[in-house]
Structure formats: structure tokens, C-alpha cells
Amino acid sequence: MEKELEVKLREAFKKRGYTQEQVAAAIGTSARAISEVVTGKAKTINREMLVKIINLLEIEDIREILEIVEKKA
């Protein structure tokens, strides 16, 4: 079965009390860019943006925000 990457930022933001707009402002990007990553509309994830989010949210385990899952048919 083919795999894909599930981005779990919505849950991480909620757990830490951040809105997408607050995260965008804190890391210096647009709310739209964050929204596209959170909703899965973005085809790629900018590494620099991801590192900034990891630092902002103080993520210790990447599995908290990214997960390999079976691709949906």
C-alpha cells in the first residue's frame, strides 16, 4: 500500500493555545500559507517554516506534527 504524510499541526496549535493567525505572525509568514499546510492543500512544506513552527511550539518529537499513513484511495 502506498504511504503519504499527514500533517497534524491543527492539533498541535490547539494543544498549545495558538491560532493559525498567531503562528503565522510569530514566524513571519502569511496566515494563508499556514492554512494551506494545516488543511493539506499545500503540495510541499517549506523546511524553514516547519523548523520555525517546531521551535515556536517547542516540539520535541516530530511524530507530534507529522505521521506516515496509508494513502487514501
Protein backbone atom coordinates (compact mmCIF):
# COMPACT_ATOMS: atom_id res chain seq x y z
CA MET A 1 0.00 0.00 0.00
CA GLU A 2 1.22 3.48 -0.82
CA LYS A 3 2.05 5.86 2.02
CA GLU A 4 1.55 9.59 2.48
CA LEU A 5 2.44 12.20 5.06
CA GLU A 6 -0.26 13.51 7.37
CA VAL A 7 0.40 16.94 8.86
CA LYS A 8 -1.07 17.28 12.36
CA LEU A 9 -0.43 20.96 13.01
CA ARG A 10 -4.05 21.83 13.82
CA GLU A 11 -3.92 19.57 16.87
CA ALA A 12 -0.52 20.91 17.96
CA PHE A 13 -1.70 24.52 17.67
CA LYS A 14 -4.87 23.79 19.66
CA LYS A 15 -2.97 21.89 22.36
CA ARG A 16 -0.72 24.93 22.90
CA GLY A 17 -3.44 27.56 22.58
CA TYR A 18 -2.35 29.06 19.24
CA THR A 19 -4.48 30.08 16.30
CA GLN A 20 -3.18 29.77 12.75
CA GLU A 21 -3.03 33.58 12.58
CA GLN A 22 -0.93 33.78 15.76
CA VAL A 23 1.51 31.17 14.46
CA ALA A 24 1.78 32.96 11.12
CA ALA A 25 2.55 36.28 12.82
CA ALA A 26 5.05 34.69 15.20
CA ILE A 27 7.07 33.01 12.45
CA GLY A 28 6.77 35.77 9.86
CA THR A 29 4.60 34.14 7.22
CA SER A 30 1.06 34.57 5.95
CA ALA A 31 -2.00 33.05 7.57
CA ARG A 32 -2.84 31.65 4.13
CA ALA A 33 0.47 29.75 3.95
CA ILE A 34 -0.17 28.22 7.38
CA SER A 35 -3.76 27.39 6.45
CA GLU A 36 -2.69 25.60 3.27
CA VAL A 37 -0.26 23.41 5.23
CA VAL A 38 -2.79 22.70 8.01
CA THR A 39 -5.60 21.79 5.60
CA GLY A 40 -3.38 19.68 3.35
CA LYS A 41 -3.79 21.96 0.33
CA ALA A 42 -0.06 22.67 0.19
CA LYS A 43 1.78 20.16 -2.00
CA THR A 44 5.08 20.91 -0.27
CA ILE A 45 6.11 22.13 3.16
CA ASN A 46 8.84 24.72 3.40
CA ARG A 47 11.56 23.31 5.66
CA GLU A 48 12.38 26.72 7.15
CA MET A 49 8.70 27.29 8.03
CA LEU A 50 8.48 23.85 9.63
CA VAL A 51 11.59 24.49 11.74
CA LYS A 52 10.16 27.82 12.90
CA ILE A 53 6.90 26.13 13.91
CA ILE A 54 8.82 23.38 15.73
CA ASN A 55 10.76 25.99 17.69
CA LEU A 56 7.69 28.11 18.43
CA LEU A 57 5.66 25.15 19.69
CA GLU A 58 8.69 23.57 21.39
CA ILE A 59 8.11 20.26 19.61
CA GLU A 60 10.37 17.51 20.94
CA ASP A 61 9.08 14.61 18.82
CA ILE A 62 8.38 15.14 15.10
CA ARG A 63 5.66 12.49 15.30
CA GLU A 64 3.54 15.02 17.17
CA ILE A 65 3.11 17.02 13.95
CA LEU A 66 3.89 14.56 11.14
CA GLU A 67 2.71 11.00 10.62
CA ILE A 68 3.15 8.44 7.87
CA VAL A 69 -0.22 6.94 6.99
CA GLU A 70 -1.74 4.67 4.36
CA LYS A 71 -2.72 6.68 1.29
CA LYS A 72 -6.46 7.01 0.94
CA ALA A 73 -7.96 5.52 -2.20
